[in-house]
Protein backbone atom coordinates (compact mmCIF):
# COMPACT_ATOMS: atom_id res chain seq x y z
CA MET A 1 233.02 58.72 111.42
CA PRO A 2 233.46 57.05 108.05
CA THR A 3 233.41 59.40 105.11
CA HIS A 4 230.94 57.27 103.15
CA PHE A 5 228.49 57.50 106.09
CA ILE A 6 228.66 61.30 106.13
CA VAL A 7 228.14 61.43 102.38
CA SER A 8 225.18 59.08 102.66
CA ARG A 9 223.58 61.28 105.34
CA ILE A 10 224.10 64.36 103.19
CA ARG A 11 222.57 62.61 100.17
CA PHE A 12 219.64 61.53 102.32
CA TRP A 13 219.09 65.07 103.54
CA ALA A 14 219.43 66.52 100.04
CA ALA A 15 217.01 63.95 98.61
CA GLY A 16 214.53 64.67 101.38
CA LEU A 17 214.77 68.41 100.77
CA MET A 18 214.30 67.95 97.01
CA LEU A 19 211.31 65.68 97.53
CA SER A 20 209.73 68.19 99.88
CA VAL A 21 210.28 70.99 97.34
CA LEU A 22 208.85 68.92 94.47
CA ALA A 23 205.92 67.84 96.59
CA ALA A 24 205.13 71.45 97.42
CA LEU A 25 205.38 72.60 93.82
CA PRO A 26 202.82 70.56 91.88
CA ALA A 27 200.69 69.32 94.76
CA CYS A 28 197.66 71.27 93.66
CA ALA A 29 197.98 69.86 90.16
CA ARG A 30 198.75 66.28 91.19
CA ALA A 31 195.82 65.85 93.51
CA GLN A 32 192.64 65.26 91.56
CA SER A 33 189.37 65.47 93.42
CA ALA A 34 186.79 62.75 93.10
CA PRO A 35 184.33 63.18 90.23
CA ILE A 36 181.41 65.42 91.15
CA PRO A 37 178.05 63.77 90.48
CA ALA A 38 175.91 65.55 87.91
CA ALA A 39 173.36 67.71 89.69
CA PRO A 40 169.73 67.26 88.64
CA VAL A 41 168.43 69.99 86.35
CA PRO A 42 166.20 72.51 88.18
CA GLY A 43 162.49 72.28 87.47
CA PRO A 44 160.65 74.90 85.42
CA PRO A 45 159.98 78.26 87.08
CA PRO A 46 156.85 78.34 89.27
CA ALA A 47 153.66 79.50 87.57
CA THR A 48 153.57 82.63 89.74
CA SER A 49 156.84 83.84 88.20
CA PHE A 50 155.08 84.29 84.85
CA GLN A 51 152.87 86.95 86.46
CA GLY A 52 155.94 89.14 87.05
CA SER A 53 158.61 90.78 84.95
CA VAL A 54 161.74 92.89 85.02
CA PRO A 55 160.51 96.39 84.06
CA SER A 56 162.60 98.28 81.54
CA GLY A 57 162.39 101.67 79.90
CA ALA A 58 160.84 104.92 80.99
CA VAL A 59 157.26 106.11 80.75
CA SER A 60 156.62 107.39 77.22
CA PRO A 61 154.48 110.49 76.73
CA GLY A 62 150.91 110.03 75.62
CA VAL A 63 149.09 106.73 75.27
CA LEU A 64 150.98 103.65 74.11
CA LYS A 65 149.13 101.73 71.40
CA LEU A 66 149.50 98.06 72.25
CA SER A 67 148.49 95.15 70.04
CA LEU A 68 148.36 91.55 71.23
CA ASP A 69 151.50 90.76 69.24
CA ASP A 70 153.33 93.75 70.76
CA ALA A 71 152.35 92.66 74.25
CA ILE A 72 153.54 89.09 73.69
CA GLN A 73 156.85 90.22 72.19
CA ARG A 74 157.44 92.45 75.20
CA GLY A 75 156.58 89.55 77.49
CA LEU A 76 159.05 87.26 75.72
CA GLN A 77 161.79 89.78 76.51
CA SER A 78 160.91 90.93 80.04
CA ASN A 79 158.71 88.28 81.67
CA LEU A 80 160.23 86.88 84.84
CA GLY A 81 159.47 83.29 83.85
CA ILE A 82 161.51 83.68 80.65
CA ILE A 83 164.41 85.24 82.55
CA LEU A 84 164.44 82.50 85.20
CA SER A 85 164.36 79.85 82.48
CA SER A 86 167.40 81.48 80.83
CA THR A 87 169.37 81.52 84.08
CA GLN A 88 168.55 77.86 84.70
CA THR A 89 169.77 77.01 81.21
CA ALA A 90 173.01 78.86 81.92
CA GLY A 91 173.42 76.89 85.16
CA ALA A 92 172.86 73.58 83.34
CA ARG A 93 175.43 74.61 80.71
CA ALA A 94 177.95 75.30 83.48
CA GLN A 95 177.28 71.88 85.04
CA ARG A 96 177.87 70.20 81.68
CA LEU A 97 181.19 72.00 81.25
CA GLY A 98 182.26 71.01 84.76
CA GLN A 99 181.53 67.35 84.07
CA LEU A 100 183.32 67.53 80.73
CA GLN A 101 186.50 68.73 82.44
CA ASN A 102 186.60 65.52 84.49
CA LEU A 103 187.15 63.63 81.23
CA LEU A 104 189.90 65.93 79.90
CA PRO A 105 193.49 66.41 81.05
CA SER A 106 194.14 69.15 83.57
CA VAL A 107 197.36 71.06 82.85
CA ASP A 108 198.86 73.65 85.21
CA PHE A 109 201.98 75.80 85.05
CA LYS A 110 203.95 77.16 87.96
CA ALA A 111 207.14 79.22 88.26
CA GLN A 112 208.87 79.52 91.64
CA GLU A 113 211.85 81.46 92.94
CA ALA A 114 212.95 80.22 96.40
CA GLU A 115 215.43 81.52 98.99
CA LEU A 116 216.23 78.87 101.65
CA GLN A 117 218.27 78.44 104.81
CA THR A 118 218.22 75.10 106.67
CA ASP A 119 219.01 74.24 110.30
CA LEU A 120 220.40 70.68 110.14
CA PRO A 121 219.97 69.85 113.87
CA ALA A 122 216.32 70.84 113.57
CA GLU A 123 216.06 68.30 110.74
CA GLY A 124 217.65 65.63 112.91
CA LEU A 125 221.12 65.81 111.32
CA ARG A 126 224.01 66.28 113.75
CA ILE A 127 227.26 65.68 111.84
CA PRO A 128 230.52 66.42 113.64
CA GLY A 129 232.63 68.89 111.76
CA PHE A 130 229.72 69.75 109.43
CA PRO A 131 228.09 73.21 109.51
CA LYS A 132 224.86 73.28 111.46
CA ILE A 133 223.34 75.92 109.17
CA ILE A 134 223.23 75.43 105.41
CA GLY A 135 222.55 78.45 103.29
CA PRO A 136 221.16 80.77 102.49
CA PHE A 137 220.84 79.39 98.98
CA SER A 138 218.29 79.87 96.25
CA TYR A 139 216.85 77.99 93.31
CA THR A 140 214.51 78.60 90.39
CA ASP A 141 211.86 76.06 89.35
CA VAL A 142 209.67 76.31 86.25
CA ARG A 143 207.25 73.39 85.91
CA ALA A 144 204.19 72.18 84.06
CA SER A 145 202.05 69.40 85.50
CA MET A 146 199.25 67.31 84.04
CA THR A 147 196.60 65.10 85.57
CA TRP A 148 194.34 62.96 83.38
CA SER A 149 191.72 60.44 84.35
CA LEU A 150 192.29 57.88 81.62
CA ALA A 151 189.55 55.45 82.58
CA ASN A 152 186.67 56.47 84.83
CA VAL A 153 183.27 55.14 83.77
CA SER A 154 181.48 57.03 86.54
CA SER A 155 182.79 60.38 85.27
CA LEU A 156 181.68 59.52 81.74
CA ARG A 157 178.16 58.66 82.93
CA ASN A 158 177.97 61.86 84.96
CA TYR A 159 178.93 63.86 81.89
CA LEU A 160 176.23 62.18 79.81
CA ALA A 161 173.70 62.96 82.57
CA ALA A 162 174.79 66.61 82.60
CA ARG A 163 174.38 66.76 78.82
CA HIS A 164 170.82 65.40 79.08
CA ASN A 165 170.10 67.92 81.85
CA PHE A 166 171.33 70.76 79.65
CA THR A 167 169.10 69.64 76.79
CA ALA A 168 166.17 69.42 79.23
CA SER A 169 166.79 72.98 80.40
CA GLN A 170 166.86 74.22 76.80
CA LEU A 171 163.51 72.51 76.13
CA SER A 172 162.08 73.96 79.35
CA ALA A 173 163.13 77.42 78.19
CA GLN A 174 161.24 76.86 74.93
CA ASP A 175 158.21 75.66 76.89
CA ALA A 176 158.42 78.81 79.00
CA ARG A 177 157.80 80.84 75.84
CA ASP A 178 154.46 79.07 75.38
CA MET A 179 153.63 79.83 79.00
CA VAL A 180 154.40 83.51 78.42
CA VAL A 181 152.12 83.54 75.36
CA LEU A 182 149.30 82.03 77.42
CA THR A 183 149.87 84.33 80.41
CA VAL A 184 150.21 87.55 78.43
CA GLY A 185 147.37 86.58 76.07
CA ASN A 186 145.09 85.88 79.01
CA ALA A 187 145.97 89.21 80.63
CA TYR A 188 145.40 91.04 77.33
CA LEU A 189 142.03 89.38 76.72
CA LEU A 190 140.96 90.13 80.29
CA VAL A 191 141.66 93.83 79.78
CA LEU A 192 139.69 93.68 76.53
CA ALA A 193 136.78 92.07 78.38
CA ASP A 194 136.96 94.74 81.08
CA ASP A 195 137.03 97.49 78.47
CA THR A 196 133.97 96.00 76.75
CA GLU A 197 132.24 95.70 80.12
CA VAL A 198 132.93 99.35 80.90
CA SER A 199 131.58 100.45 77.51
CA SER A 200 128.48 98.30 78.01
CA VAL A 201 127.80 99.68 81.50
CA GLN A 202 128.35 103.23 80.23
CA ALA A 203 125.72 102.62 77.55
CA GLN A 204 123.39 101.20 80.19
CA THR A 205 124.04 104.26 82.35
CA ALA A 206 123.07 106.57 79.49
CA THR A 207 119.90 104.57 78.85
CA SER A 208 119.02 104.57 82.54
CA LYS A 209 119.58 108.34 82.66
CA VAL A 210 117.07 108.80 79.84
CA SER A 211 114.54 106.69 81.72
CA LEU A 212 115.21 108.65 84.92
CA ASP A 213 114.72 112.00 83.17
CA GLN A 214 111.51 110.73 81.61
CA ALA A 215 110.19 109.50 84.97
CA VAL A 216 111.03 112.85 86.61
CA ALA A 217 109.29 114.76 83.81
CA ASN A 218 106.18 112.55 83.99
CA HIS A 219 106.02 112.92 87.76
CA GLN A 220 106.34 116.70 87.55
CA ALA A 221 103.63 116.73 84.89
CA GLY A 222 101.40 114.66 87.14
CA THR A 223 101.09 111.76 84.71
CA ALA A 224 103.22 109.31 86.77
CA PRO A 225 103.47 108.59 90.50
CA LEU A 226 106.54 109.34 92.62
CA LEU A 227 107.19 105.60 92.78
CA ASP A 228 108.18 105.59 89.11
CA GLU A 229 110.73 108.36 89.71
CA LEU A 230 112.15 106.62 92.80
CA ARG A 231 112.41 103.30 90.98
CA ALA A 232 114.19 104.95 88.03
CA ARG A 233 116.58 106.75 90.38
CA VAL A 234 117.48 103.54 92.22
CA ASP A 235 118.12 101.80 88.90
CA TYR A 236 120.31 104.66 87.72
CA GLN A 237 122.41 104.70 90.92
CA SER A 238 122.75 100.92 90.84
CA ILE A 239 124.17 101.07 87.32
CA GLU A 240 126.50 103.89 88.39
CA GLN A 241 127.89 101.57 91.08
CA GLN A 242 128.40 98.86 88.48
CA LEU A 243 130.28 101.37 86.31
CA ILE A 244 132.60 102.31 89.19
CA ALA A 245 133.35 98.64 89.88
CA ALA A 246 133.93 97.91 86.18
CA GLN A 247 136.34 100.85 85.81
CA ASN A 248 138.26 99.74 88.91
CA ALA A 249 138.54 96.18 87.55
CA LEU A 250 139.78 97.57 84.24
CA GLN A 251 142.53 99.62 85.90
CA LYS A 252 143.69 96.70 88.08
CA ASP A 253 143.80 94.30 85.15
CA GLN A 254 145.77 96.87 83.13
CA LEU A 255 148.32 96.91 85.95
CA ALA A 256 148.48 93.10 85.85
CA LEU A 257 149.08 93.20 82.08
CA LYS A 258 151.87 95.74 82.48
CA ARG A 259 153.47 93.56 85.17
CA THR A 260 153.60 90.53 82.83
CA ILE A 261 155.26 92.43 79.97
CA GLY A 262 157.63 94.73 81.86
CA LEU A 263 155.92 98.07 81.16
CA PRO A 264 156.18 100.87 83.74
CA LEU A 265 153.01 100.86 85.78
CA ASP A 266 152.45 104.58 85.10
CA GLN A 267 152.41 104.04 81.35
CA ALA A 268 149.00 104.74 79.76
CA ILE A 269 148.03 102.04 77.23
CA ASP A 270 145.34 101.50 74.63
CA LEU A 271 144.70 97.99 73.32
CA THR A 272 144.32 98.00 69.54
CA ASP A 273 143.21 94.36 68.99
CA LYS A 274 139.62 93.59 69.88
CA ALA A 275 139.62 89.77 69.48
CA PRO A 276 136.27 89.43 67.68
CA TYR A 277 134.21 86.27 67.87
CA ALA A 278 135.30 83.72 65.26
CA PRO A 279 133.85 80.19 65.51
CA PHE A 280 136.14 77.17 65.32
CA ASP A 281 135.57 74.27 62.97
CA THR A 282 135.08 70.76 64.30
CA LEU A 283 138.39 69.44 65.62
CA ASP A 284 139.70 65.86 65.76
CA SER A 285 140.69 65.22 69.36
CA GLY A 286 142.79 62.17 68.50
CA ALA A 287 144.89 64.02 65.96
CA LEU A 288 145.33 66.96 68.33
CA ILE A 289 146.46 64.73 71.20
CA LYS A 290 149.05 63.13 68.91
CA GLN A 291 150.21 66.58 67.80
CA ALA A 292 150.46 67.72 71.43
CA LYS A 293 152.63 64.77 72.47
CA GLU A 294 154.95 65.50 69.56
CA GLY A 295 155.07 69.26 70.07
CA ARG A 296 155.04 69.83 73.84
CA LYS A 297 158.49 70.93 74.97
CA ASP A 298 157.78 70.22 78.63
CA LEU A 299 157.18 66.56 77.76
CA ALA A 300 160.43 66.44 75.75
CA ALA A 301 162.24 68.05 78.70
CA LEU A 302 160.96 65.33 81.04
CA VAL A 303 162.17 62.68 78.58
CA GLU A 304 165.66 64.20 78.79
CA THR A 305 165.41 64.47 82.58
CA ALA A 306 164.54 60.78 82.80
CA ALA A 307 167.49 59.94 80.53
CA ALA A 308 169.77 62.01 82.78
CA ALA A 309 168.49 60.16 85.85
CA ALA A 310 169.18 56.84 84.11
CA GLU A 311 172.77 57.92 83.41
CA GLN A 312 173.24 58.99 87.02
CA ARG A 313 171.99 55.60 88.14
CA LYS A 314 174.59 53.97 85.85
CA ALA A 315 177.24 56.34 87.22
CA ALA A 316 176.44 55.23 90.76
CA THR A 317 176.87 51.61 89.71
CA ALA A 318 180.10 52.40 87.83
CA ALA A 319 181.62 53.93 90.98
CA ARG A 320 182.47 50.35 92.01
CA LEU A 321 184.70 49.88 88.97
CA PRO A 322 188.48 50.51 88.92
CA SER A 323 189.72 53.85 87.61
CA VAL A 324 193.06 54.73 86.03
CA GLU A 325 194.71 58.13 86.46
CA ALA A 326 197.94 59.47 84.97
CA ASP A 327 200.05 62.22 86.56
CA ALA A 328 203.09 63.88 85.04
CA ASP A 329 205.15 67.00 85.45
CA PHE A 330 208.10 68.39 83.50
CA GLY A 331 210.22 71.39 84.36
CA ASP A 332 213.61 73.00 84.88
CA ILE A 333 215.14 73.45 88.32
CA GLY A 334 218.47 74.97 89.28
CA SER A 335 220.19 77.89 90.94
CA THR A 336 219.16 80.03 87.94
CA LEU A 337 217.40 79.38 84.66
CA GLY A 338 220.80 79.51 82.96
CA HIS A 339 222.14 76.85 85.30
CA SER A 340 219.21 74.45 85.47
CA HIS A 341 218.36 70.96 84.38
CA GLY A 342 215.16 69.39 83.23
CA THR A 343 213.29 66.99 85.48
CA VAL A 344 210.43 64.65 84.66
CA ASP A 345 208.05 62.83 86.97
CA ALA A 346 205.32 60.54 85.59
CA SER A 347 203.08 58.00 87.26
CA ALA A 348 199.93 56.01 86.63
CA THR A 349 197.53 55.06 89.41
CA LEU A 350 195.00 52.27 89.46
CA SER A 351 192.31 52.83 92.10
CA VAL A 352 189.84 50.18 93.21
CA PRO A 353 187.26 50.85 95.94
CA LEU A 354 187.61 48.01 98.44
CA PHE A 355 185.50 49.00 101.42
CA ALA A 356 183.00 51.74 100.64
CA GLU A 357 179.89 49.60 100.42
CA PHE A 358 177.56 51.78 102.43
CA ALA A 359 178.51 54.96 100.57
CA LEU A 360 178.24 53.27 97.18
CA ARG A 361 174.96 51.61 98.07
CA GLY A 362 173.55 54.91 99.36
CA GLU A 363 174.52 56.74 96.16
CA ALA A 364 172.93 53.98 94.06
CA GLN A 365 169.69 54.07 96.04
CA GLN A 366 169.54 57.86 95.82
CA ALA A 367 170.09 57.73 92.05
CA GLN A 368 167.42 55.04 91.71
CA ALA A 369 164.95 57.20 93.65
CA GLN A 370 165.64 60.11 91.28
CA LEU A 371 165.12 57.81 88.30
CA ASP A 372 161.82 56.49 89.67
CA THR A 373 160.66 60.05 90.31
CA ALA A 374 161.57 61.18 86.79
CA GLN A 375 159.80 58.21 85.20
CA ALA A 376 156.67 58.79 87.28
CA GLN A 377 156.62 62.47 86.32
CA LEU A 378 157.05 61.54 82.66
CA SER A 379 154.14 59.11 82.79
CA ASP A 380 151.95 61.68 84.54
CA ARG A 381 152.83 64.39 82.02
CA ASN A 382 151.77 62.12 79.14
CA ALA A 383 148.36 61.73 80.74
CA GLN A 384 148.20 65.42 81.64
CA ILE A 385 148.81 66.49 78.05
CA GLU A 386 145.87 64.42 76.85
CA ALA A 387 143.74 65.93 79.62
CA ASP A 388 144.89 69.45 78.67
CA VAL A 389 143.82 68.98 75.06
CA ARG A 390 140.47 67.47 75.99
CA ASP A 391 139.80 70.19 78.58
CA ALA A 392 140.57 72.92 76.05
CA LEU A 393 138.30 71.35 73.45
CA LEU A 394 135.47 71.05 75.97
CA ASP A 395 135.96 74.68 77.01
CA ILE A 396 135.96 75.85 73.40
CA ASP A 397 132.77 73.95 72.59
CA SER A 398 131.00 75.15 75.74
CA ALA A 399 132.13 78.78 75.41
CA GLN A 400 131.21 78.87 71.72
CA LYS A 401 127.66 77.81 72.53
CA GLN A 402 127.50 80.34 75.37
CA VAL A 403 128.60 83.13 73.03
CA GLU A 404 125.90 82.23 70.51
CA VAL A 405 123.22 82.13 73.22
CA ALA A 406 124.49 85.40 74.72
CA GLN A 407 124.31 87.10 71.32
CA SER A 408 120.69 86.04 70.96
CA SER A 409 119.94 87.15 74.54
CA MET A 410 121.45 90.59 73.88
CA SER A 411 119.26 91.03 70.83
CA LEU A 412 116.11 89.93 72.67
CA ALA A 413 116.89 92.02 75.74
CA GLY A 414 117.48 95.13 73.63
CA GLU A 415 114.18 94.62 71.80
CA ALA A 416 112.34 94.11 75.10
CA LEU A 417 113.83 97.33 76.50
CA ARG A 418 112.71 99.36 73.48
CA GLU A 419 109.22 97.89 73.76
CA ALA A 420 109.00 98.70 77.48
CA GLN A 421 110.23 102.27 76.93
CA GLU A 422 107.64 102.84 74.19
CA ARG A 423 104.84 101.51 76.40
CA TYR A 424 105.93 103.72 79.26
CA THR A 425 106.26 106.76 76.97
CA ASN A 426 102.74 106.19 75.65
CA GLY A 427 101.40 105.81 79.18
CA VAL A 428 100.30 102.22 78.67
CA SER A 429 102.28 100.93 81.70
CA ASP A 430 104.52 102.16 84.49
CA ASN A 431 108.30 102.00 84.39
CA LEU A 432 108.57 98.70 86.27
CA ALA A 433 108.79 96.93 82.93
CA VAL A 434 111.51 99.39 81.85
CA SER A 435 113.50 98.67 85.03
CA GLN A 436 113.24 94.94 84.52
CA ALA A 437 114.19 95.25 80.86
CA GLN A 438 117.28 97.30 81.76
CA GLN A 439 118.38 94.60 84.19
CA SER A 440 117.91 91.99 81.47
CA VAL A 441 120.06 94.03 79.09
CA ALA A 442 122.78 94.37 81.71
CA GLN A 443 122.70 90.65 82.43
CA ALA A 444 122.83 89.73 78.73
CA ASP A 445 125.72 92.11 78.07
CA GLY A 446 127.66 90.73 81.03
CA GLN A 447 127.09 87.15 79.91
CA TYR A 448 128.28 87.96 76.41
CA VAL A 449 131.46 89.65 77.62
CA ALA A 450 132.26 86.78 79.99
CA SER A 451 131.53 84.04 77.46
CA LEU A 452 133.58 85.75 74.72
CA TYR A 453 136.51 86.08 77.12
CA ARG A 454 136.27 82.41 78.12
CA TYR A 455 136.05 81.41 74.47
CA ASN A 456 139.21 83.24 73.42
CA VAL A 457 141.12 82.08 76.50
CA ALA A 458 140.05 78.49 75.75
CA LYS A 459 141.56 78.83 72.26
CA LEU A 460 144.79 80.15 73.77
CA SER A 461 144.75 77.22 76.17
CA LEU A 462 144.42 74.85 73.22
CA ALA A 463 147.48 76.48 71.62
CA ARG A 464 149.36 75.93 74.87
CA ALA A 465 148.12 72.33 75.17
CA LEU A 466 149.39 71.60 71.65
CA GLY A 467 152.79 73.20 72.30
CA ASP A 468 151.94 75.65 69.51
CA GLY A 469 151.77 78.86 71.54
CA ARG A 470 153.92 80.84 69.13
CA ASP A 471 151.21 80.42 66.48
CA TYR A 472 148.59 81.92 68.80
CA GLY A 473 147.24 84.11 65.95
CA LYS A 474 145.59 81.24 64.13
CA PHE A 475 143.81 80.24 67.33
CA VAL A 476 142.65 83.63 68.57
CA GLY A 477 141.82 84.68 65.03
CA GLY A 478 139.84 81.51 64.49
CA LYS A 479 141.69 80.56 61.32
């Protein structure tokens, strides 16, 4: 066999072995996966999540004095809605970083020490007079490889979409703070209303007990029939039942408040703020609606979400465009590092999608559907913000009038009760008038407590509608 033929076969085998070694070395670095589309940013946490929290701390001895500001600050740290908003922001930040990497070069380093032995017949080389087994032999390879997508419009658009999604998640986290203020404030005001209701019913119980004792004494003295005593006893027991129900409602609403702010459920609390009645001045609905559309973070988040959807739609269109990718590796290979030689491999690849119409069209239609959804939600939220402001103003006006009427009713009912008690004490009438007057007092007190609660919650709702929840003090305080 000619010598030059044998040498050529050996060179062919050696070149094939070297190519296989080089292909195995930087394969993970050379192959670049297709750009990952930017995932849509998750929506805000569900409203029910703001009713929960992640409890922290142990039960402190004694009674914990809790102001409205203390409760809200605890809620801003432990409320489940705030925590979920933070985790969603972290996820959006991670998506943005992942999309950014698609625009930057990817550099990897690898060091390899190999020990080889080759069976030439198994490789298809049967050379007379040439050893069938080559080796064992070894080599050392130290190599750095780089992959860089030099021109990929789709990756750029996906990165811009991820950046908008991250901004939207940050704005949603800020909006979640307003939701916590509203949720915790509502729970706090409800406990205050329950506490006032319990105090009112306790006062009614004491008054009813006086009437019962008086009816019993008059009956024993023979100046009043048994019917008066029975009527007074029924009234007294009825108010006792109301007191039991009011105390139960107070304890349950205290548990709900503790759940929203992360307090241990066994912790005894005493609310120090009493949220007195403070009338609001006349408000300009037009100016407030303008302020709300400028200040609401949920609206700003939807603007960013719509912008992200628009970028994803552009990315789907740009997937049809050519892309340019550069690959390179540089390293030393040899029997040892001391006996090695540098090698360089560089290439540039132009990729053009020729037949992927259905996949590209499907991605474009899906991106367009997301864009249409985001734009519809944005339009709806604009209208909803105006409705929120108008609803809050209507509630404030209605509740303010109810409070004023309830205050007058309480005064009249109290005066009627005193008049009826005096008439009964002087023997002018039976205690039927006293019983009816006590019911009127109870009704007036209940209406006042309910209307005052609705009034203060309406002011908190206005703060939420304006995106000004962190300044809740000027609303609840009536300033």
